[in-house]
């Protein structure tokens, strides 16, 4: 038996917003947009000094990776970790951030 194609029943016209949302998700643009939101929120929550030394990285399994330029900045962020997580959860509940993980990295 050869592979059969199962036809989905058309449900009628779809809104352009739904079609674009599926296309953006397929192409990965939604992830890029979400990352941008994380950067903006991070700047507000961490403050200008620490945000200048750190950047949000990947969000996986509720753990947001924070890229940090120096060990002294990691230490300061570690002191504020619980408060930062709490504020992130309030500001962006859809991200489901439950922990932060800091890592030394170079970035622009």
PDB file of N, CA and C in Angstrom:
ATOM      1  N   UNK A   1       0.831  -1.161   0.000  1.00  0.00           N
ATOM      2  CA  UNK A   1       0.000   0.000   0.000  1.00  0.00           C
ATOM      3  C   UNK A   1       0.886   1.238   0.000  1.00  0.00           C
ATOM      4  N   UNK A   2       0.652   2.068  -0.956  1.00  0.00           N
ATOM      5  CA  UNK A   2       1.434   3.292  -1.054  1.00  0.00           C
ATOM      6  C   UNK A   2       0.919   4.323  -0.075  1.00  0.00           C
ATOM      7  N   UNK A   3       1.828   5.251   0.273  1.00  0.00           N
ATOM      8  CA  UNK A   3       1.440   6.311   1.202  1.00  0.00           C
ATOM      9  C   UNK A   3       0.228   7.073   0.701  1.00  0.00           C
ATOM     10  N   UNK A   4      -0.782   7.110   1.478  1.00  0.00           N
ATOM     11  CA  UNK A   4      -1.993   7.828   1.101  1.00  0.00           C
ATOM     12  C   UNK A   4      -1.964   9.218   1.716  1.00  0.00           C
ATOM     13  N   UNK A   5      -2.459  10.113   0.973  1.00  0.00           N
ATOM     14  CA  UNK A   5      -2.598  11.468   1.479  1.00  0.00           C
ATOM     15  C   UNK A   5      -3.973  11.618   2.097  1.00  0.00           C
ATOM     16  N   UNK A   6      -3.966  12.098   3.270  1.00  0.00           N
ATOM     17  CA  UNK A   6      -5.236  12.365   3.925  1.00  0.00           C
ATOM     18  C   UNK A   6      -5.552  13.826   3.693  1.00  0.00           C
ATOM     19  N   UNK A   7      -6.682  14.045   3.096  1.00  0.00           N
ATOM     20  CA  UNK A   7      -7.066  15.420   2.820  1.00  0.00           C
ATOM     21  C   UNK A   7      -7.781  16.014   4.021  1.00  0.00           C
ATOM     22  N   UNK A   8      -7.350  17.183   4.355  1.00  0.00           N
ATOM     23  CA  UNK A   8      -8.046  17.858   5.443  1.00  0.00           C
ATOM     24  C   UNK A   8      -9.241  18.591   4.843  1.00  0.00           C
ATOM     25  N   UNK A   9     -10.282  18.606   5.577  1.00  0.00           N
ATOM     26  CA  UNK A   9     -11.476  19.294   5.113  1.00  0.00           C
ATOM     27  C   UNK A   9     -11.257  20.787   5.280  1.00  0.00           C
ATOM     28  N   UNK A  10     -11.528  21.506   4.270  1.00  0.00           N
ATOM     29  CA  UNK A  10     -11.391  22.953   4.338  1.00  0.00           C
ATOM     30  C   UNK A  10     -12.492  23.519   5.220  1.00  0.00           C
ATOM     31  N   UNK A  11     -12.100  24.442   6.011  1.00  0.00           N
ATOM     32  CA  UNK A  11     -13.037  25.015   6.961  1.00  0.00           C
ATOM     33  C   UNK A  11     -13.563  26.369   6.493  1.00  0.00           C
ATOM     34  N   UNK A  12     -13.333  26.705   5.289  1.00  0.00           N
ATOM     35  CA  UNK A  12     -13.771  28.003   4.798  1.00  0.00           C
ATOM     36  C   UNK A  12     -12.652  29.009   4.858  1.00  0.00           C
ATOM     37  N   UNK A  13     -12.969  30.242   4.604  1.00  0.00           N
ATOM     38  CA  UNK A  13     -11.936  31.287   4.600  1.00  0.00           C
ATOM     39  C   UNK A  13     -11.289  31.447   5.968  1.00  0.00           C
ATOM     40  N   UNK A  14     -10.008  31.765   5.937  1.00  0.00           N
ATOM     41  CA  UNK A  14      -9.256  31.991   7.165  1.00  0.00           C
ATOM     42  C   UNK A  14      -8.836  33.448   7.206  1.00  0.00           C
ATOM     43  N   UNK A  15      -8.715  33.971   8.403  1.00  0.00           N
ATOM     44  CA  UNK A  15      -8.288  35.369   8.507  1.00  0.00           C
ATOM     45  C   UNK A  15      -6.824  35.484   8.111  1.00  0.00           C
ATOM     46  N   UNK A  16      -6.471  36.620   7.553  1.00  0.00           N
ATOM     47  CA  UNK A  16      -5.087  36.846   7.136  1.00  0.00           C
ATOM     48  C   UNK A  16      -4.159  36.816   8.344  1.00  0.00           C
ATOM     49  N   UNK A  17      -4.644  37.255   9.503  1.00  0.00           N
ATOM     50  CA  UNK A  17      -3.839  37.216  10.721  1.00  0.00           C
ATOM     51  C   UNK A  17      -3.460  35.801  11.117  1.00  0.00           C
ATOM     52  N   UNK A  18      -4.414  34.854  11.005  1.00  0.00           N
ATOM     53  CA  UNK A  18      -4.131  33.457  11.326  1.00  0.00           C
ATOM     54  C   UNK A  18      -3.123  32.857  10.358  1.00  0.00           C
ATOM     55  N   UNK A  19      -3.293  33.165   9.089  1.00  0.00           N
ATOM     56  CA  UNK A  19      -2.377  32.643   8.067  1.00  0.00           C
ATOM     57  C   UNK A  19      -0.973  33.189   8.293  1.00  0.00           C
ATOM     58  N   UNK A  20      -0.859  34.484   8.544  1.00  0.00           N
ATOM     59  CA  UNK A  20       0.456  35.088   8.786  1.00  0.00           C
ATOM     60  C   UNK A  20       1.092  34.557  10.059  1.00  0.00           C
ATOM     61  N   UNK A  21       0.311  34.360  11.103  1.00  0.00           N
ATOM     62  CA  UNK A  21       0.855  33.828  12.359  1.00  0.00           C
ATOM     63  C   UNK A  21       1.454  32.447  12.145  1.00  0.00           C
ATOM     64  N   UNK A  22       0.763  31.590  11.385  1.00  0.00           N
ATOM     65  CA  UNK A  22       1.302  30.247  11.104  1.00  0.00           C
ATOM     66  C   UNK A  22       2.566  30.329  10.265  1.00  0.00           C
ATOM     67  N   UNK A  23       2.581  31.206   9.280  1.00  0.00           N
ATOM     68  CA  UNK A  23       3.762  31.371   8.430  1.00  0.00           C
ATOM     69  C   UNK A  23       4.949  31.878   9.240  1.00  0.00           C
ATOM     70  N   UNK A  24       4.724  32.884  10.069  1.00  0.00           N
ATOM     71  CA  UNK A  24       5.808  33.426  10.891  1.00  0.00           C
ATOM     72  C   UNK A  24       6.352  32.377  11.847  1.00  0.00           C
ATOM     73  N   UNK A  25       5.465  31.583  12.438  1.00  0.00           N
ATOM     74  CA  UNK A  25       5.905  30.527  13.358  1.00  0.00           C
ATOM     75  C   UNK A  25       6.729  29.485  12.615  1.00  0.00           C
ATOM     76  N   UNK A  26       6.303  29.119  11.423  1.00  0.00           N
ATOM     77  CA  UNK A  26       7.031  28.122  10.628  1.00  0.00           C
ATOM     78  C   UNK A  26       8.423  28.602  10.250  1.00  0.00           C
ATOM     79  N   UNK A  27       8.532  29.875   9.921  1.00  0.00           N
ATOM     80  CA  UNK A  27       9.811  30.430   9.471  1.00  0.00           C
ATOM     81  C   UNK A  27      10.726  30.857  10.608  1.00  0.00           C
ATOM     82  N   UNK A  28      10.239  30.816  11.837  1.00  0.00           N
ATOM     83  CA  UNK A  28      11.068  31.176  12.974  1.00  0.00           C
ATOM     84  C   UNK A  28      11.058  32.645  13.323  1.00  0.00           C
ATOM     85  N   UNK A  29      10.257  33.440  12.629  1.00  0.00           N
ATOM     86  CA  UNK A  29      10.220  34.866  12.911  1.00  0.00           C
ATOM     87  C   UNK A  29       9.602  35.148  14.271  1.00  0.00           C
ATOM     88  N   UNK A  30       8.690  34.311  14.695  1.00  0.00           N
ATOM     89  CA  UNK A  30       8.057  34.518  16.001  1.00  0.00           C
ATOM     90  C   UNK A  30       9.097  34.405  17.111  1.00  0.00           C
ATOM     91  N   UNK A  31      10.019  33.461  16.974  1.00  0.00           N
ATOM     92  CA  UNK A  31      11.071  33.299  17.986  1.00  0.00           C
ATOM     93  C   UNK A  31      11.962  34.530  18.029  1.00  0.00           C
ATOM     94  N   UNK A  32      12.261  35.108  16.847  1.00  0.00           N
ATOM     95  CA  UNK A  32      13.075  36.311  16.815  1.00  0.00           C
ATOM     96  C   UNK A  32      12.351  37.468  17.475  1.00  0.00           C
ATOM     97  N   UNK A  33      11.062  37.578  17.228  1.00  0.00           N
ATOM     98  CA  UNK A  33      10.281  38.647  17.830  1.00  0.00           C
ATOM     99  C   UNK A  33      10.225  38.457  19.340  1.00  0.00           C
ATOM    100  N   UNK A  34      10.040  37.227  19.806  1.00  0.00           N
ATOM    101  CA  UNK A  34       9.996  36.946  21.234  1.00  0.00           C
ATOM    102  C   UNK A  34      11.331  37.321  21.873  1.00  0.00           C
ATOM    103  N   UNK A  35      12.435  37.018  21.191  1.00  0.00           N
ATOM    104  CA  UNK A  35      13.756  37.358  21.708  1.00  0.00           C
ATOM    105  C   UNK A  35      13.891  38.868  21.880  1.00  0.00           C
ATOM    106  N   UNK A  36      13.381  39.623  20.907  1.00  0.00           N
ATOM    107  CA  UNK A  36      13.430  41.083  21.006  1.00  0.00           C
ATOM    108  C   UNK A  36      12.652  41.561  22.223  1.00  0.00           C
ATOM    109  N   UNK A  37      11.503  40.963  22.468  1.00  0.00           N
ATOM    110  CA  UNK A  37      10.720  41.339  23.647  1.00  0.00           C
ATOM    111  C   UNK A  37      11.528  41.051  24.900  1.00  0.00           C
ATOM    112  N   UNK A  38      12.214  39.932  24.944  1.00  0.00           N
ATOM    113  CA  UNK A  38      13.016  39.592  26.111  1.00  0.00           C
ATOM    114  C   UNK A  38      14.089  40.657  26.352  1.00  0.00           C
ATOM    115  N   UNK A  39      14.741  41.125  25.300  1.00  0.00           N
ATOM    116  CA  UNK A  39      15.787  42.133  25.449  1.00  0.00           C
ATOM    117  C   UNK A  39      15.225  43.429  26.018  1.00  0.00           C
ATOM    118  N   UNK A  40      14.080  43.847  25.502  1.00  0.00           N
ATOM    119  CA  UNK A  40      13.474  45.081  25.985  1.00  0.00           C
ATOM    120  C   UNK A  40      13.077  44.957  27.454  1.00  0.00           C
ATOM    121  N   UNK A  41      12.466  43.839  27.803  1.00  0.00           N
ATOM    122  CA  UNK A  41      12.057  43.607  29.192  1.00  0.00           C
ATOM    123  C   UNK A  41      13.279  43.519  30.085  1.00  0.00           C
ATOM    124  N   UNK A  42      14.320  42.839  29.623  1.00  0.00           N
ATOM    125  CA  UNK A  42      15.535  42.696  30.421  1.00  0.00           C
ATOM    126  C   UNK A  42      16.134  44.061  30.754  1.00  0.00           C
ATOM    127  N   UNK A  43      16.172  44.959  29.781  1.00  0.00           N
ATOM    128  CA  UNK A  43      16.717  46.300  30.016  1.00  0.00           C
ATOM    129  C   UNK A  43      15.938  47.017  31.109  1.00  0.00           C
ATOM    130  N   UNK A  44      14.630  46.876  31.099  1.00  0.00           N
ATOM    131  CA  UNK A  44      13.802  47.520  32.122  1.00  0.00           C
ATOM    132  C   UNK A  44      14.038  46.906  33.499  1.00  0.00           C
ATOM    133  N   UNK A  45      14.147  45.582  33.562  1.00  0.00           N
ATOM    134  CA  UNK A  45      14.238  44.898  34.846  1.00  0.00           C
ATOM    135  C   UNK A  45      15.629  44.949  35.465  1.00  0.00           C
ATOM    136  N   UNK A  46      16.658  44.794  34.665  1.00  0.00           N
ATOM    137  CA  UNK A  46      18.020  44.719  35.194  1.00  0.00           C
ATOM    138  C   UNK A  46      18.607  46.099  35.478  1.00  0.00           C
ATOM    139  N   UNK A  47      18.045  47.121  34.885  1.00  0.00           N
ATOM    140  CA  UNK A  47      18.603  48.457  35.049  1.00  0.00           C
ATOM    141  C   UNK A  47      19.662  48.715  33.990  1.00  0.00           C
ATOM    142  N   UNK A  48      19.913  49.972  33.721  1.00  0.00           N
ATOM    143  CA  UNK A  48      20.799  50.320  32.608  1.00  0.00           C
ATOM    144  C   UNK A  48      22.229  49.826  32.787  1.00  0.00           C
ATOM    145  N   UNK A  49      22.757  49.883  34.005  1.00  0.00           N
ATOM    146  CA  UNK A  49      24.146  49.453  34.227  1.00  0.00           C
ATOM    147  C   UNK A  49      24.325  47.953  33.973  1.00  0.00           C
ATOM    148  N   UNK A  50      23.490  47.133  34.604  1.00  0.00           N
ATOM    149  CA  UNK A  50      23.609  45.677  34.424  1.00  0.00           C
ATOM    150  C   UNK A  50      23.131  45.232  33.043  1.00  0.00           C
ATOM    151  N   UNK A  51      22.132  45.900  32.492  1.00  0.00           N
ATOM    152  CA  UNK A  51      21.669  45.546  31.145  1.00  0.00           C
ATOM    153  C   UNK A  51      22.756  45.835  30.113  1.00  0.00           C
ATOM    154  N   UNK A  52      23.599  46.834  30.389  1.00  0.00           N
ATOM    155  CA  UNK A  52      24.709  47.122  29.487  1.00  0.00           C
ATOM    156  C   UNK A  52      25.784  46.049  29.515  1.00  0.00           C
ATOM    157  N   UNK A  53      25.821  45.263  30.576  1.00  0.00           N
ATOM    158  CA  UNK A  53      26.817  44.198  30.721  1.00  0.00           C
ATOM    159  C   UNK A  53      26.241  42.809  30.485  1.00  0.00           C
ATOM    160  N   UNK A  54      24.950  42.734  30.142  1.00  0.00           N
ATOM    161  CA  UNK A  54      24.310  41.424  29.994  1.00  0.00           C
ATOM    162  C   UNK A  54      23.254  41.464  28.899  1.00  0.00           C
ATOM    163  N   UNK A  55      22.939  40.296  28.376  1.00  0.00           N
ATOM    164  CA  UNK A  55      21.923  40.136  27.342  1.00  0.00           C
ATOM    165  C   UNK A  55      21.166  38.846  27.603  1.00  0.00           C
ATOM    166  N   UNK A  56      19.855  38.838  27.370  1.00  0.00           N
ATOM    167  CA  UNK A  56      19.129  37.572  27.461  1.00  0.00           C
ATOM    168  C   UNK A  56      19.512  36.679  26.285  1.00  0.00           C
ATOM    169  N   UNK A  57      19.632  35.405  26.561  1.00  0.00           N
ATOM    170  CA  UNK A  57      19.946  34.431  25.518  1.00  0.00           C
ATOM    171  C   UNK A  57      18.731  33.565  25.242  1.00  0.00           C
ATOM    172  N   UNK A  58      18.955  32.278  25.168  1.00  0.00           N
ATOM    173  CA  UNK A  58      17.883  31.342  24.853  1.00  0.00           C
ATOM    174  C   UNK A  58      16.993  31.091  26.059  1.00  0.00           C
ATOM    175  N   UNK A  59      15.743  30.842  25.764  1.00  0.00           N
ATOM    176  CA  UNK A  59      14.769  30.456  26.774  1.00  0.00           C
ATOM    177  C   UNK A  59      14.373  29.021  26.466  1.00  0.00           C
ATOM    178  N   UNK A  60      14.698  28.115  27.390  1.00  0.00           N
ATOM    179  CA  UNK A  60      14.420  26.704  27.158  1.00  0.00           C
ATOM    180  C   UNK A  60      13.953  26.065  28.456  1.00  0.00           C
ATOM    181  N   UNK A  61      12.791  25.456  28.412  1.00  0.00           N
ATOM    182  CA  UNK A  61      12.272  24.764  29.581  1.00  0.00           C
ATOM    183  C   UNK A  61      12.059  25.676  30.775  1.00  0.00           C
ATOM    184  N   UNK A  62      11.714  26.932  30.514  1.00  0.00           N
ATOM    185  CA  UNK A  62      11.482  27.867  31.604  1.00  0.00           C
ATOM    186  C   UNK A  62      12.736  28.508  32.173  1.00  0.00           C
ATOM    187  N   UNK A  63      13.896  28.160  31.609  1.00  0.00           N
ATOM    188  CA  UNK A  63      15.165  28.722  32.087  1.00  0.00           C
ATOM    189  C   UNK A  63      15.680  29.705  31.039  1.00  0.00           C
ATOM    190  N   UNK A  64      15.807  30.962  31.441  1.00  0.00           N
ATOM    191  CA  UNK A  64      16.318  32.000  30.557  1.00  0.00           C
ATOM    192  C   UNK A  64      17.810  32.148  30.791  1.00  0.00           C
ATOM    193  N   UNK A  65      18.570  31.933  29.743  1.00  0.00           N
ATOM    194  CA  UNK A  65      20.023  32.091  29.816  1.00  0.00           C
ATOM    195  C   UNK A  65      20.356  33.580  29.678  1.00  0.00           C
ATOM    196  N   UNK A  66      21.208  34.066  30.560  1.00  0.00           N
ATOM    197  CA  UNK A  66      21.643  35.460  30.508  1.00  0.00           C
ATOM    198  C   UNK A  66      23.137  35.469  30.211  1.00  0.00           C
ATOM    199  N   UNK A  67      23.509  36.082  29.100  1.00  0.00           N
ATOM    200  CA  UNK A  67      24.913  36.206  28.712  1.00  0.00           C
ATOM    201  C   UNK A  67      25.476  37.439  29.399  1.00  0.00           C
ATOM    202  N   UNK A  68      26.611  37.284  30.060  1.00  0.00           N
ATOM    203  CA  UNK A  68      27.169  38.354  30.892  1.00  0.00           C
ATOM    204  C   UNK A  68      28.642  38.547  30.540  1.00  0.00           C
ATOM    205  N   UNK A  69      29.071  39.801  30.510  1.00  0.00           N
ATOM    206  CA  UNK A  69      30.449  40.123  30.120  1.00  0.00           C
ATOM    207  C   UNK A  69      31.498  39.820  31.171  1.00  0.00           C
ATOM    208  N   UNK A  70      31.154  39.866  32.457  1.00  0.00           N
ATOM    209  CA  UNK A  70      32.180  39.702  33.487  1.00  0.00           C
ATOM    210  C   UNK A  70      31.649  38.904  34.673  1.00  0.00           C
ATOM    211  N   UNK A  71      32.585  38.331  35.409  1.00  0.00           N
ATOM    212  CA  UNK A  71      32.196  37.559  36.593  1.00  0.00           C
ATOM    213  C   UNK A  71      31.645  38.473  37.685  1.00  0.00           C
ATOM    214  N   UNK A  72      32.118  39.718  37.753  1.00  0.00           N
ATOM    215  CA  UNK A  72      31.585  40.639  38.762  1.00  0.00           C
ATOM    216  C   UNK A  72      30.117  40.978  38.466  1.00  0.00           C
ATOM    217  N   UNK A  73      29.769  41.094  37.183  1.00  0.00           N
ATOM    218  CA  UNK A  73      28.367  41.338  36.817  1.00  0.00           C
ATOM    219  C   UNK A  73      27.519  40.104  37.111  1.00  0.00           C
ATOM    220  N   UNK A  74      28.074  38.917  36.893  1.00  0.00           N
ATOM    221  CA  UNK A  74      27.353  37.683  37.234  1.00  0.00           C
ATOM    222  C   UNK A  74      27.069  37.646  38.734  1.00  0.00           C
ATOM    223  N   UNK A  75      28.043  38.036  39.526  1.00  0.00           N
ATOM    224  CA  UNK A  75      27.853  38.030  40.972  1.00  0.00           C
ATOM    225  C   UNK A  75      26.725  38.983  41.371  1.00  0.00           C
ATOM    226  N   UNK A  76      26.718  40.169  40.808  1.00  0.00           N
ATOM    227  CA  UNK A  76      25.664  41.139  41.121  1.00  0.00           C
ATOM    228  C   UNK A  76      24.294  40.627  40.672  1.00  0.00           C
ATOM    229  N   UNK A  77      24.236  40.057  39.475  1.00  0.00           N
ATOM    230  CA  UNK A  77      22.970  39.501  38.983  1.00  0.00           C
ATOM    231  C   UNK A  77      22.509  38.326  39.844  1.00  0.00           C
ATOM    232  N   UNK A  78      23.455  37.533  40.312  1.00  0.00           N
ATOM    233  CA  UNK A  78      23.111  36.396  41.183  1.00  0.00           C
ATOM    234  C   UNK A  78      22.446  36.861  42.472  1.00  0.00           C
ATOM    235  N   UNK A  79      22.937  37.976  43.016  1.00  0.00           N
ATOM    236  CA  UNK A  79      22.329  38.533  44.230  1.00  0.00           C
ATOM    237  C   UNK A  79      20.874  38.936  43.988  1.00  0.00           C
ATOM    238  N   UNK A  80      20.582  39.362  42.756  1.00  0.00           N
ATOM    239  CA  UNK A  80      19.248  39.859  42.417  1.00  0.00           C
ATOM    240  C   UNK A  80      18.374  38.816  41.720  1.00  0.00           C
ATOM    241  N   UNK A  81      18.860  37.616  41.595  1.00  0.00           N
ATOM    242  CA  UNK A  81      18.207  36.588  40.774  1.00  0.00           C
ATOM    243  C   UNK A  81      16.731  36.372  41.117  1.00  0.00           C
ATOM    244  N   UNK A  82      16.423  36.140  42.382  1.00  0.00           N
ATOM    245  CA  UNK A  82      15.027  35.866  42.765  1.00  0.00           C
ATOM    246  C   UNK A  82      14.102  37.012  42.393  1.00  0.00           C
ATOM    247  N   UNK A  83      14.560  38.224  42.660  1.00  0.00           N
ATOM    248  CA  UNK A  83      13.751  39.406  42.336  1.00  0.00           C
ATOM    249  C   UNK A  83      13.587  39.561  40.827  1.00  0.00           C
ATOM    250  N   UNK A  84      14.647  39.315  40.072  1.00  0.00           N
ATOM    251  CA  UNK A  84      14.568  39.407  38.613  1.00  0.00           C
ATOM    252  C   UNK A  84      13.582  38.383  38.047  1.00  0.00           C
ATOM    253  N   UNK A  85      13.625  37.157  38.552  1.00  0.00           N
ATOM    254  CA  UNK A  85      12.688  36.118  38.090  1.00  0.00           C
ATOM    255  C   UNK A  85      11.260  36.545  38.409  1.00  0.00           C
ATOM    256  N   UNK A  86      11.042  37.014  39.620  1.00  0.00           N
ATOM    257  CA  UNK A  86       9.696  37.434  40.016  1.00  0.00           C
ATOM    258  C   UNK A  86       9.181  38.558  39.112  1.00  0.00           C
ATOM    259  N   UNK A  87      10.029  39.536  38.845  1.00  0.00           N
ATOM    260  CA  UNK A  87       9.626  40.665  38.001  1.00  0.00           C
ATOM    261  C   UNK A  87       9.422  40.245  36.550  1.00  0.00           C
ATOM    262  N   UNK A  88      10.246  39.309  36.075  1.00  0.00           N
ATOM    263  CA  UNK A  88      10.047  38.771  34.721  1.00  0.00           C
ATOM    264  C   UNK A  88       8.710  38.046  34.612  1.00  0.00           C
ATOM    265  N   UNK A  89       8.380  37.273  35.624  1.00  0.00           N
ATOM    266  CA  UNK A  89       7.110  36.548  35.621  1.00  0.00           C
ATOM    267  C   UNK A  89       5.931  37.509  35.605  1.00  0.00           C
ATOM    268  N   UNK A  90       6.051  38.627  36.295  1.00  0.00           N
ATOM    269  CA  UNK A  90       4.977  39.619  36.299  1.00  0.00           C
ATOM    270  C   UNK A  90       4.903  40.370  34.975  1.00  0.00           C
ATOM    271  N   UNK A  91       6.055  40.752  34.436  1.00  0.00           N
ATOM    272  CA  UNK A  91       6.093  41.556  33.214  1.00  0.00           C
ATOM    273  C   UNK A  91       5.725  40.753  31.975  1.00  0.00           C
ATOM    274  N   UNK A  92       6.179  39.511  31.895  1.00  0.00           N
ATOM    275  CA  UNK A  92       5.980  38.671  30.709  1.00  0.00           C
ATOM    276  C   UNK A  92       5.552  37.266  31.115  1.00  0.00           C
ATOM    277  N   UNK A  93       4.334  37.103  31.648  1.00  0.00           N
ATOM    278  CA  UNK A  93       3.919  35.775  32.123  1.00  0.00           C
ATOM    279  C   UNK A  93       3.880  34.718  31.025  1.00  0.00           C
ATOM    280  N   UNK A  94       3.669  35.116  29.774  1.00  0.00           N
ATOM    281  CA  UNK A  94       3.598  34.149  28.674  1.00  0.00           C
ATOM    282  C   UNK A  94       4.945  33.486  28.394  1.00  0.00           C
ATOM    283  N   UNK A  95       6.034  34.064  28.867  1.00  0.00           N
ATOM    284  CA  UNK A  95       7.355  33.458  28.660  1.00  0.00           C
ATOM    285  C   UNK A  95       7.590  32.275  29.595  1.00  0.00           C
ATOM    286  N   UNK A  96       6.855  32.210  30.700  1.00  0.00           N
ATOM    287  CA  UNK A  96       6.978  31.123  31.678  1.00  0.00           C
ATOM    288  C   UNK A  96       8.397  30.959  32.212  1.00  0.00           C
ATOM    289  N   UNK A  97       9.061  32.067  32.507  1.00  0.00           N
ATOM    290  CA  UNK A  97      10.414  32.023  33.069  1.00  0.00           C
ATOM    291  C   UNK A  97      10.315  31.611  34.534  1.00  0.00           C
ATOM    292  N   UNK A  98      11.052  30.543  34.901  1.00  0.00           N
ATOM    293  CA  UNK A  98      11.053  30.102  36.291  1.00  0.00           C
ATOM    294  C   UNK A  98      12.448  30.151  36.901  1.00  0.00           C
ATOM    295  N   UNK A  99      13.469  30.372  36.045  1.00  0.00           N
ATOM    296  CA  UNK A  99      14.843  30.440  36.553  1.00  0.00           C
ATOM    297  C   UNK A  99      15.713  31.214  35.564  1.00  0.00           C
ATOM    298  N   UNK A 100      16.826  31.724  36.054  1.00  0.00           N
ATOM    299  CA  UNK A 100      17.833  32.386  35.227  1.00  0.00           C
ATOM    300  C   UNK A 100      19.141  31.627  35.362  1.00  0.00           C
ATOM    301  N   UNK A 101      19.860  31.505  34.275  1.00  0.00           N
ATOM    302  CA  UNK A 101      21.179  30.876  34.288  1.00  0.00           C
ATOM    303  C   UNK A 101      22.157  31.854  33.642  1.00  0.00           C
ATOM    304  N   UNK A 102      23.200  32.213  34.364  1.00  0.00           N
ATOM    305  CA  UNK A 102      24.160  33.207  33.889  1.00  0.00           C
ATOM    306  C   UNK A 102      25.385  32.525  33.289  1.00  0.00           C
ATOM    307  N   UNK A 103      25.908  33.135  32.211  1.00  0.00           N
ATOM    308  CA  UNK A 103      27.066  32.570  31.529  1.00  0.00           C
ATOM    309  C   UNK A 103      27.926  33.710  30.977  1.00  0.00           C
ATOM    310  N   UNK A 104      29.229  33.587  31.152  1.00  0.00           N
ATOM    311  CA  UNK A 104      30.173  34.568  30.592  1.00  0.00           C
ATOM    312  C   UNK A 104      30.169  34.453  29.072  1.00  0.00           C
ATOM    313  N   UNK A 105      30.076  35.605  28.414  1.00  0.00           N
ATOM    314  CA  UNK A 105      30.068  35.627  26.952  1.00  0.00           C
ATOM    315  C   UNK A 105      30.513  36.992  26.454  1.00  0.00           C
ATOM    316  N   UNK A 106      31.001  37.014  25.232  1.00  0.00           N
ATOM    317  CA  UNK A 106      31.347  38.274  24.574  1.00  0.00           C
ATOM    318  C   UNK A 106      30.228  38.598  23.587  1.00  0.00           C
ATOM    319  N   UNK A 107      29.848  39.854  23.547  1.00  0.00           N
ATOM    320  CA  UNK A 107      28.816  40.294  22.614  1.00  0.00           C
ATOM    321  C   UNK A 107      29.000  41.773  22.339  1.00  0.00           C
ATOM    322  N   UNK A 108      28.312  42.264  21.304  1.00  0.00           N
ATOM    323  CA  UNK A 108      28.406  43.691  20.942  1.00  0.00           C
ATOM    324  C   UNK A 108      27.537  44.542  21.813  1.00  0.00           C
TER     325      UNK A 108
END
